[in-house]
Amino acid sequence: MSILVDEKLLDWEQPVSKILPEFSHNDATVETQSNLLDMVAHRTCLAHKSALWLQDWTTLLLTPKDLFPTISYTELAFPFRSQWFYSNW
């Protein structure tokens, strides 16, 4: 990702929804303001909910097609950008 930013093909502050139009969230702030930096710095504060997509830490339960609809209903563990919170979302 850093190489793409370096080459000006991506921007850290670019909203995720501009890069991945499939990205949505039931919280409008998360949907419109989440950017690449939020994702890689773990500051979206989206709850883990690993049991929704991962079984026994080895088997993926979601297809790529199901990923974005699932994220859209994942609640926030803390207010958006309020702190660092590890999540694979």
PDB file of N, CA and C in Angstrom:
ATOM      1  N   MET A   1       0.817  -1.165   0.000  1.00  0.00           N
ATOM      2  CA  MET A   1       0.000   0.000   0.000  1.00  0.00           C
ATOM      3  C   MET A   1       0.879   1.253   0.000  1.00  0.00           C
ATOM      4  N   SER A   2       1.932   1.211   0.781  1.00  0.00           N
ATOM      5  CA  SER A   2       2.823   2.376   0.865  1.00  0.00           C
ATOM      6  C   SER A   2       3.443   2.711  -0.491  1.00  0.00           C
ATOM      7  N   ILE A   3       3.763   1.686  -1.256  1.00  0.00           N
ATOM      8  CA  ILE A   3       4.324   1.926  -2.588  1.00  0.00           C
ATOM      9  C   ILE A   3       3.288   2.641  -3.460  1.00  0.00           C
ATOM     10  N   LEU A   4       2.043   2.213  -3.380  1.00  0.00           N
ATOM     11  CA  LEU A   4       0.989   2.867  -4.156  1.00  0.00           C
ATOM     12  C   LEU A   4       0.783   4.315  -3.717  1.00  0.00           C
ATOM     13  N   VAL A   5       0.905   4.572  -2.443  1.00  0.00           N
ATOM     14  CA  VAL A   5       0.819   5.951  -1.948  1.00  0.00           C
ATOM     15  C   VAL A   5       2.018   6.743  -2.454  1.00  0.00           C
ATOM     16  N   ASP A   6       3.187   6.139  -2.373  1.00  0.00           N
ATOM     17  CA  ASP A   6       4.409   6.783  -2.853  1.00  0.00           C
ATOM     18  C   ASP A   6       4.321   7.138  -4.338  1.00  0.00           C
ATOM     19  N   GLU A   7       3.684   6.263  -5.103  1.00  0.00           N
ATOM     20  CA  GLU A   7       3.535   6.483  -6.540  1.00  0.00           C
ATOM     21  C   GLU A   7       2.314   7.347  -6.871  1.00  0.00           C
ATOM     22  N   LYS A   8       1.660   7.879  -5.841  1.00  0.00           N
ATOM     23  CA  LYS A   8       0.496   8.760  -5.994  1.00  0.00           C
ATOM     24  C   LYS A   8      -0.714   8.056  -6.631  1.00  0.00           C
ATOM     25  N   LEU A   9      -0.771   6.741  -6.496  1.00  0.00           N
ATOM     26  CA  LEU A   9      -1.918   5.997  -6.990  1.00  0.00           C
ATOM     27  C   LEU A   9      -2.995   5.873  -5.919  1.00  0.00           C
ATOM     28  N   LEU A  10      -2.585   6.001  -4.665  1.00  0.00           N
ATOM     29  CA  LEU A  10      -3.495   6.023  -3.520  1.00  0.00           C
ATOM     30  C   LEU A  10      -3.072   7.157  -2.610  1.00  0.00           C
ATOM     31  N   ASP A  11      -3.967   7.526  -1.725  1.00  0.00           N
ATOM     32  CA  ASP A  11      -3.695   8.567  -0.736  1.00  0.00           C
ATOM     33  C   ASP A  11      -4.149   8.026   0.620  1.00  0.00           C
ATOM     34  N   TRP A  12      -3.328   8.184   1.640  1.00  0.00           N
ATOM     35  CA  TRP A  12      -3.686   7.683   2.980  1.00  0.00           C
ATOM     36  C   TRP A  12      -5.018   8.243   3.455  1.00  0.00           C
ATOM     37  N   GLU A  13      -5.337   9.470   3.070  1.00  0.00           N
ATOM     38  CA  GLU A  13      -6.571  10.122   3.528  1.00  0.00           C
ATOM     39  C   GLU A  13      -7.762   9.864   2.607  1.00  0.00           C
ATOM     40  N   GLN A  14      -7.551   9.087   1.570  1.00  0.00           N
ATOM     41  CA  GLN A  14      -8.616   8.781   0.626  1.00  0.00           C
ATOM     42  C   GLN A  14      -9.663   7.894   1.298  1.00  0.00           C
ATOM     43  N   PRO A  15     -10.947   8.258   1.206  1.00  0.00           N
ATOM     44  CA  PRO A  15     -11.982   7.416   1.826  1.00  0.00           C
ATOM     45  C   PRO A  15     -11.995   6.013   1.225  1.00  0.00           C
ATOM     46  N   VAL A  16     -12.172   5.039   2.070  1.00  0.00           N
ATOM     47  CA  VAL A  16     -12.224   3.647   1.623  1.00  0.00           C
ATOM     48  C   VAL A  16     -13.342   3.467   0.600  1.00  0.00           C
ATOM     49  N   SER A  17     -14.461   4.147   0.810  1.00  0.00           N
ATOM     50  CA  SER A  17     -15.597   4.005  -0.108  1.00  0.00           C
ATOM     51  C   SER A  17     -15.281   4.507  -1.519  1.00  0.00           C
ATOM     52  N   LYS A  18     -14.289   5.354  -1.669  1.00  0.00           N
ATOM     53  CA  LYS A  18     -13.872   5.812  -3.006  1.00  0.00           C
ATOM     54  C   LYS A  18     -13.020   4.755  -3.707  1.00  0.00           C
ATOM     55  N   ILE A  19     -12.310   3.961  -2.922  1.00  0.00           N
ATOM     56  CA  ILE A  19     -11.449   2.906  -3.470  1.00  0.00           C
ATOM     57  C   ILE A  19     -12.251   1.624  -3.676  1.00  0.00           C
ATOM     58  N   LEU A  20     -13.083   1.315  -2.682  1.00  0.00           N
ATOM     59  CA  LEU A  20     -13.918   0.115  -2.715  1.00  0.00           C
ATOM     60  C   LEU A  20     -15.379   0.543  -2.593  1.00  0.00           C
ATOM     61  N   PRO A  21     -16.056   0.781  -3.700  1.00  0.00           N
ATOM     62  CA  PRO A  21     -17.445   1.248  -3.636  1.00  0.00           C
ATOM     63  C   PRO A  21     -18.370   0.302  -2.866  1.00  0.00           C
ATOM     64  N   GLU A  22     -17.965  -0.961  -2.721  1.00  0.00           N
ATOM     65  CA  GLU A  22     -18.781  -1.927  -1.980  1.00  0.00           C
ATOM     66  C   GLU A  22     -18.780  -1.657  -0.483  1.00  0.00           C
ATOM     67  N   PHE A  23     -17.800  -0.884  -0.003  1.00  0.00           N
ATOM     68  CA  PHE A  23     -17.687  -0.611   1.427  1.00  0.00           C
ATOM     69  C   PHE A  23     -18.842   0.274   1.867  1.00  0.00           C
ATOM     70  N   SER A  24     -19.548  -0.174   2.876  1.00  0.00           N
ATOM     71  CA  SER A  24     -20.623   0.624   3.467  1.00  0.00           C
ATOM     72  C   SER A  24     -20.690   0.283   4.951  1.00  0.00           C
ATOM     73  N   HIS A  25     -21.345   1.142   5.690  1.00  0.00           N
ATOM     74  CA  HIS A  25     -21.536   0.884   7.119  1.00  0.00           C
ATOM     75  C   HIS A  25     -22.814   1.578   7.549  1.00  0.00           C
ATOM     76  N   ASN A  26     -23.507   0.984   8.513  1.00  0.00           N
ATOM     77  CA  ASN A  26     -24.753   1.583   8.960  1.00  0.00           C
ATOM     78  C   ASN A  26     -24.530   2.879   9.740  1.00  0.00           C
ATOM     79  N   ASP A  27     -23.300   3.172  10.122  1.00  0.00           N
ATOM     80  CA  ASP A  27     -22.939   4.449  10.734  1.00  0.00           C
ATOM     81  C   ASP A  27     -22.367   5.329   9.614  1.00  0.00           C
ATOM     82  N   ALA A  28     -23.053   6.394   9.284  1.00  0.00           N
ATOM     83  CA  ALA A  28     -22.650   7.249   8.158  1.00  0.00           C
ATOM     84  C   ALA A  28     -21.240   7.810   8.326  1.00  0.00           C
ATOM     85  N   THR A  29     -20.833   8.094   9.556  1.00  0.00           N
ATOM     86  CA  THR A  29     -19.487   8.624   9.785  1.00  0.00           C
ATOM     87  C   THR A  29     -18.436   7.596   9.388  1.00  0.00           C
ATOM     88  N   VAL A  30     -18.633   6.371   9.798  1.00  0.00           N
ATOM     89  CA  VAL A  30     -17.691   5.304   9.448  1.00  0.00           C
ATOM     90  C   VAL A  30     -17.664   5.121   7.931  1.00  0.00           C
ATOM     91  N   GLU A  31     -18.827   5.114   7.322  1.00  0.00           N
ATOM     92  CA  GLU A  31     -18.892   4.891   5.873  1.00  0.00           C
ATOM     93  C   GLU A  31     -18.229   6.005   5.070  1.00  0.00           C
ATOM     94  N   THR A  32     -18.448   7.229   5.443  1.00  0.00           N
ATOM     95  CA  THR A  32     -17.942   8.340   4.624  1.00  0.00           C
ATOM     96  C   THR A  32     -16.546   8.813   5.009  1.00  0.00           C
ATOM     97  N   GLN A  33     -16.131   8.576   6.264  1.00  0.00           N
ATOM     98  CA  GLN A  33     -14.858   9.122   6.709  1.00  0.00           C
ATOM     99  C   GLN A  33     -13.738   8.100   6.886  1.00  0.00           C
ATOM    100  N   SER A  34     -14.046   6.808   6.901  1.00  0.00           N
ATOM    101  CA  SER A  34     -12.988   5.798   7.026  1.00  0.00           C
ATOM    102  C   SER A  34     -12.040   5.907   5.846  1.00  0.00           C
ATOM    103  N   ASN A  35     -10.748   5.997   6.150  1.00  0.00           N
ATOM    104  CA  ASN A  35      -9.760   6.093   5.084  1.00  0.00           C
ATOM    105  C   ASN A  35      -8.711   4.994   5.254  1.00  0.00           C
ATOM    106  N   LEU A  36      -7.763   4.959   4.334  1.00  0.00           N
ATOM    107  CA  LEU A  36      -6.740   3.915   4.387  1.00  0.00           C
ATOM    108  C   LEU A  36      -5.949   3.957   5.689  1.00  0.00           C
ATOM    109  N   LEU A  37      -5.617   5.147   6.126  1.00  0.00           N
ATOM    110  CA  LEU A  37      -4.856   5.273   7.363  1.00  0.00           C
ATOM    111  C   LEU A  37      -5.634   4.718   8.554  1.00  0.00           C
ATOM    112  N   ASP A  38      -6.930   4.960   8.603  1.00  0.00           N
ATOM    113  CA  ASP A  38      -7.765   4.387   9.671  1.00  0.00           C
ATOM    114  C   ASP A  38      -7.673   2.872   9.672  1.00  0.00           C
ATOM    115  N   MET A  39      -7.707   2.289   8.489  1.00  0.00           N
ATOM    116  CA  MET A  39      -7.681   0.831   8.386  1.00  0.00           C
ATOM    117  C   MET A  39      -6.341   0.251   8.832  1.00  0.00           C
ATOM    118  N   VAL A  40      -5.253   0.784   8.338  1.00  0.00           N
ATOM    119  CA  VAL A  40      -3.951   0.198   8.675  1.00  0.00           C
ATOM    120  C   VAL A  40      -3.497   0.571  10.086  1.00  0.00           C
ATOM    121  N   ALA A  41      -4.019   1.652  10.643  1.00  0.00           N
ATOM    122  CA  ALA A  41      -3.642   2.066  12.000  1.00  0.00           C
ATOM    123  C   ALA A  41      -4.619   1.539  13.052  1.00  0.00           C
ATOM    124  N   HIS A  42      -5.587   0.735  12.633  1.00  0.00           N
ATOM    125  CA  HIS A  42      -6.565   0.128  13.555  1.00  0.00           C
ATOM    126  C   HIS A  42      -7.285   1.183  14.391  1.00  0.00           C
ATOM    127  N   ARG A  43      -7.791   2.199  13.736  1.00  0.00           N
ATOM    128  CA  ARG A  43      -8.511   3.230  14.486  1.00  0.00           C
ATOM    129  C   ARG A  43      -9.956   3.413  14.030  1.00  0.00           C
ATOM    130  N   THR A  44     -10.488   2.446  13.266  1.00  0.00           N
ATOM    131  CA  THR A  44     -11.910   2.512  12.925  1.00  0.00           C
ATOM    132  C   THR A  44     -12.753   2.147  14.137  1.00  0.00           C
ATOM    133  N   CYS A  45     -12.192   1.355  15.030  1.00  0.00           N
ATOM    134  CA  CYS A  45     -12.867   0.854  16.240  1.00  0.00           C
ATOM    135  C   CYS A  45     -14.001  -0.116  15.930  1.00  0.00           C
ATOM    136  N   LEU A  46     -13.965  -0.730  14.742  1.00  0.00           N
ATOM    137  CA  LEU A  46     -14.952  -1.763  14.428  1.00  0.00           C
ATOM    138  C   LEU A  46     -14.692  -2.974  15.308  1.00  0.00           C
ATOM    139  N   ALA A  47     -15.759  -3.524  15.860  1.00  0.00           N
ATOM    140  CA  ALA A  47     -15.635  -4.681  16.747  1.00  0.00           C
ATOM    141  C   ALA A  47     -15.035  -5.873  16.007  1.00  0.00           C
ATOM    142  N   HIS A  48     -14.338  -6.727  16.750  1.00  0.00           N
ATOM    143  CA  HIS A  48     -13.669  -7.897  16.159  1.00  0.00           C
ATOM    144  C   HIS A  48     -14.651  -8.780  15.410  1.00  0.00           C
ATOM    145  N   LYS A  49     -15.550  -9.357  16.141  1.00  0.00           N
ATOM    146  CA  LYS A  49     -16.535 -10.285  15.593  1.00  0.00           C
ATOM    147  C   LYS A  49     -15.902 -11.386  14.750  1.00  0.00           C
ATOM    148  N   SER A  50     -14.749 -11.871  15.187  1.00  0.00           N
ATOM    149  CA  SER A  50     -14.028 -12.903  14.429  1.00  0.00           C
ATOM    150  C   SER A  50     -14.863 -14.157  14.208  1.00  0.00           C
ATOM    151  N   ALA A  51     -15.749 -14.460  15.132  1.00  0.00           N
ATOM    152  CA  ALA A  51     -16.572 -15.661  14.981  1.00  0.00           C
ATOM    153  C   ALA A  51     -17.501 -15.577  13.773  1.00  0.00           C
ATOM    154  N   LEU A  52     -17.739 -14.379  13.282  1.00  0.00           N
ATOM    155  CA  LEU A  52     -18.579 -14.219  12.096  1.00  0.00           C
ATOM    156  C   LEU A  52     -17.882 -14.647  10.814  1.00  0.00           C
ATOM    157  N   TRP A  53     -16.579 -14.571  10.811  1.00  0.00           N
ATOM    158  CA  TRP A  53     -15.869 -14.822   9.554  1.00  0.00           C
ATOM    159  C   TRP A  53     -14.738 -15.836   9.650  1.00  0.00           C
ATOM    160  N   LEU A  54     -14.392 -16.288  10.854  1.00  0.00           N
ATOM    161  CA  LEU A  54     -13.250 -17.182  11.010  1.00  0.00           C
ATOM    162  C   LEU A  54     -13.578 -18.309  11.983  1.00  0.00           C
ATOM    163  N   GLN A  55     -13.304 -19.516  11.569  1.00  0.00           N
ATOM    164  CA  GLN A  55     -13.548 -20.681  12.420  1.00  0.00           C
ATOM    165  C   GLN A  55     -12.223 -21.311  12.809  1.00  0.00           C
ATOM    166  N   ASP A  56     -12.025 -21.536  14.078  1.00  0.00           N
ATOM    167  CA  ASP A  56     -10.811 -22.171  14.597  1.00  0.00           C
ATOM    168  C   ASP A  56      -9.530 -21.468  14.153  1.00  0.00           C
ATOM    169  N   TRP A  57      -9.610 -20.196  13.858  1.00  0.00           N
ATOM    170  CA  TRP A  57      -8.468 -19.386  13.427  1.00  0.00           C
ATOM    171  C   TRP A  57      -7.808 -19.908  12.158  1.00  0.00           C
ATOM    172  N   THR A  58      -8.497 -20.817  11.439  1.00  0.00           N
ATOM    173  CA  THR A  58      -7.895 -21.380  10.230  1.00  0.00           C
ATOM    174  C   THR A  58      -8.822 -21.381   9.017  1.00  0.00           C
ATOM    175  N   THR A  59     -10.111 -21.422   9.232  1.00  0.00           N
ATOM    176  CA  THR A  59     -11.058 -21.573   8.133  1.00  0.00           C
ATOM    177  C   THR A  59     -11.893 -20.304   7.958  1.00  0.00           C
ATOM    178  N   LEU A  60     -11.837 -19.731   6.764  1.00  0.00           N
ATOM    179  CA  LEU A  60     -12.648 -18.551   6.480  1.00  0.00           C
ATOM    180  C   LEU A  60     -14.093 -18.961   6.258  1.00  0.00           C
ATOM    181  N   LEU A  61     -15.003 -18.258   6.911  1.00  0.00           N
ATOM    182  CA  LEU A  61     -16.424 -18.574   6.807  1.00  0.00           C
ATOM    183  C   LEU A  61     -17.161 -17.666   5.826  1.00  0.00           C
ATOM    184  N   LEU A  62     -16.543 -16.565   5.456  1.00  0.00           N
ATOM    185  CA  LEU A  62     -17.175 -15.624   4.534  1.00  0.00           C
ATOM    186  C   LEU A  62     -16.491 -15.652   3.179  1.00  0.00           C
ATOM    187  N   THR A  63     -17.289 -15.562   2.147  1.00  0.00           N
ATOM    188  CA  THR A  63     -16.732 -15.400   0.812  1.00  0.00           C
ATOM    189  C   THR A  63     -16.431 -13.910   0.625  1.00  0.00           C
ATOM    190  N   PRO A  64     -15.571 -13.565  -0.302  1.00  0.00           N
ATOM    191  CA  PRO A  64     -15.334 -12.136  -0.562  1.00  0.00           C
ATOM    192  C   PRO A  64     -16.635 -11.373  -0.840  1.00  0.00           C
ATOM    193  N   LYS A  65     -17.596 -12.030  -1.479  1.00  0.00           N
ATOM    194  CA  LYS A  65     -18.883 -11.408  -1.783  1.00  0.00           C
ATOM    195  C   LYS A  65     -19.664 -11.047  -0.505  1.00  0.00           C
ATOM    196  N   ASP A  66     -19.483 -11.843   0.550  1.00  0.00           N
ATOM    197  CA  ASP A  66     -20.208 -11.630   1.809  1.00  0.00           C
ATOM    198  C   ASP A  66     -19.494 -10.691   2.772  1.00  0.00           C
ATOM    199  N   LEU A  67     -18.260 -10.384   2.483  1.00  0.00           N
ATOM    200  CA  LEU A  67     -17.444  -9.597   3.398  1.00  0.00           C
ATOM    201  C   LEU A  67     -18.025  -8.200   3.659  1.00  0.00           C
ATOM    202  N   PHE A  68     -18.262  -7.436   2.619  1.00  0.00           N
ATOM    203  CA  PHE A  68     -18.706  -6.055   2.812  1.00  0.00           C
ATOM    204  C   PHE A  68     -20.094  -5.939   3.440  1.00  0.00           C
ATOM    205  N   PRO A  69     -21.060  -6.775   3.044  1.00  0.00           N
ATOM    206  CA  PRO A  69     -22.348  -6.706   3.757  1.00  0.00           C
ATOM    207  C   PRO A  69     -22.218  -6.998   5.254  1.00  0.00           C
ATOM    208  N   THR A  70     -21.296  -7.890   5.620  1.00  0.00           N
ATOM    209  CA  THR A  70     -21.095  -8.207   7.038  1.00  0.00           C
ATOM    210  C   THR A  70     -20.478  -7.023   7.778  1.00  0.00           C
ATOM    211  N   ILE A  71     -19.483  -6.391   7.176  1.00  0.00           N
ATOM    212  CA  ILE A  71     -18.850  -5.227   7.800  1.00  0.00           C
ATOM    213  C   ILE A  71     -19.869  -4.118   8.044  1.00  0.00           C
ATOM    214  N   SER A  72     -20.798  -3.955   7.127  1.00  0.00           N
ATOM    215  CA  SER A  72     -21.738  -2.837   7.237  1.00  0.00           C
ATOM    216  C   SER A  72     -22.590  -2.904   8.497  1.00  0.00           C
ATOM    217  N   TYR A  73     -22.728  -4.082   9.084  1.00  0.00           N
ATOM    218  CA  TYR A  73     -23.520  -4.215  10.309  1.00  0.00           C
ATOM    219  C   TYR A  73     -22.685  -4.470  11.556  1.00  0.00           C
ATOM    220  N   THR A  74     -21.369  -4.394  11.428  1.00  0.00           N
ATOM    221  CA  THR A  74     -20.499  -4.603  12.574  1.00  0.00           C
ATOM    222  C   THR A  74     -20.488  -3.339  13.435  1.00  0.00           C
ATOM    223  N   GLU A  75     -20.845  -3.487  14.686  1.00  0.00           N
ATOM    224  CA  GLU A  75     -20.905  -2.309  15.561  1.00  0.00           C
ATOM    225  C   GLU A  75     -19.505  -1.827  15.933  1.00  0.00           C
ATOM    226  N   LEU A  76     -19.460  -0.638  16.457  1.00  0.00           N
ATOM    227  CA  LEU A  76     -18.206  -0.058  16.919  1.00  0.00           C
ATOM    228  C   LEU A  76     -17.945  -0.500  18.351  1.00  0.00           C
ATOM    229  N   ALA A  77     -16.720  -0.881  18.641  1.00  0.00           N
ATOM    230  CA  ALA A  77     -16.341  -1.231  20.016  1.00  0.00           C
ATOM    231  C   ALA A  77     -16.146   0.038  20.841  1.00  0.00           C
ATOM    232  N   PHE A  78     -15.715   1.103  20.179  1.00  0.00           N
ATOM    233  CA  PHE A  78     -15.493   2.416  20.783  1.00  0.00           C
ATOM    234  C   PHE A  78     -15.892   3.458  19.744  1.00  0.00           C
ATOM    235  N   PRO A  79     -16.076   4.701  20.119  1.00  0.00           N
ATOM    236  CA  PRO A  79     -16.394   5.722  19.117  1.00  0.00           C
ATOM    237  C   PRO A  79     -15.321   5.781  18.017  1.00  0.00           C
ATOM    238  N   PHE A  80     -15.765   6.014  16.806  1.00  0.00           N
ATOM    239  CA  PHE A  80     -14.894   6.064  15.633  1.00  0.00           C
ATOM    240  C   PHE A  80     -13.693   6.974  15.876  1.00  0.00           C
ATOM    241  N   ARG A  81     -12.509   6.455  15.601  1.00  0.00           N
ATOM    242  CA  ARG A  81     -11.221   7.149  15.732  1.00  0.00           C
ATOM    243  C   ARG A  81     -10.904   7.616  17.157  1.00  0.00           C
ATOM    244  N   SER A  82     -11.574   7.099  18.141  1.00  0.00           N
ATOM    245  CA  SER A  82     -11.322   7.562  19.511  1.00  0.00           C
ATOM    246  C   SER A  82     -10.072   6.923  20.122  1.00  0.00           C
ATOM    247  N   GLN A  83      -9.677   5.776  19.592  1.00  0.00           N
ATOM    248  CA  GLN A  83      -8.500   5.094  20.127  1.00  0.00           C
ATOM    249  C   GLN A  83      -8.061   3.996  19.178  1.00  0.00           C
ATOM    250  N   TRP A  84      -6.895   3.428  19.460  1.00  0.00           N
ATOM    251  CA  TRP A  84      -6.412   2.288  18.725  1.00  0.00           C
ATOM    252  C   TRP A  84      -7.187   1.076  19.202  1.00  0.00           C
ATOM    253  N   PHE A  85      -7.669   0.249  18.270  1.00  0.00           N
ATOM    254  CA  PHE A  85      -8.391  -0.960  18.637  1.00  0.00           C
ATOM    255  C   PHE A  85      -8.166  -1.985  17.544  1.00  0.00           C
ATOM    256  N   TYR A  86      -7.419  -3.043  17.850  1.00  0.00           N
ATOM    257  CA  TYR A  86      -7.089  -4.033  16.825  1.00  0.00           C
ATOM    258  C   TYR A  86      -8.333  -4.750  16.334  1.00  0.00           C
ATOM    259  N   SER A  87      -8.445  -4.794  15.040  1.00  0.00           N
ATOM    260  CA  SER A  87      -9.525  -5.510  14.389  1.00  0.00           C
ATOM    261  C   SER A  87      -9.073  -5.858  12.987  1.00  0.00           C
ATOM    262  N   ASN A  88      -9.434  -7.012  12.508  1.00  0.00           N
ATOM    263  CA  ASN A  88      -9.079  -7.391  11.139  1.00  0.00           C
ATOM    264  C   ASN A  88     -10.030  -6.821  10.109  1.00  0.00           C
ATOM    265  N   TRP A  89     -11.002  -6.068  10.531  1.00  0.00           N
ATOM    266  CA  TRP A  89     -11.870  -5.410   9.573  1.00  0.00           C
ATOM    267  C   TRP A  89     -11.124  -4.247   9.052  1.00  0.00           C
TER     268      TRP A  89
END
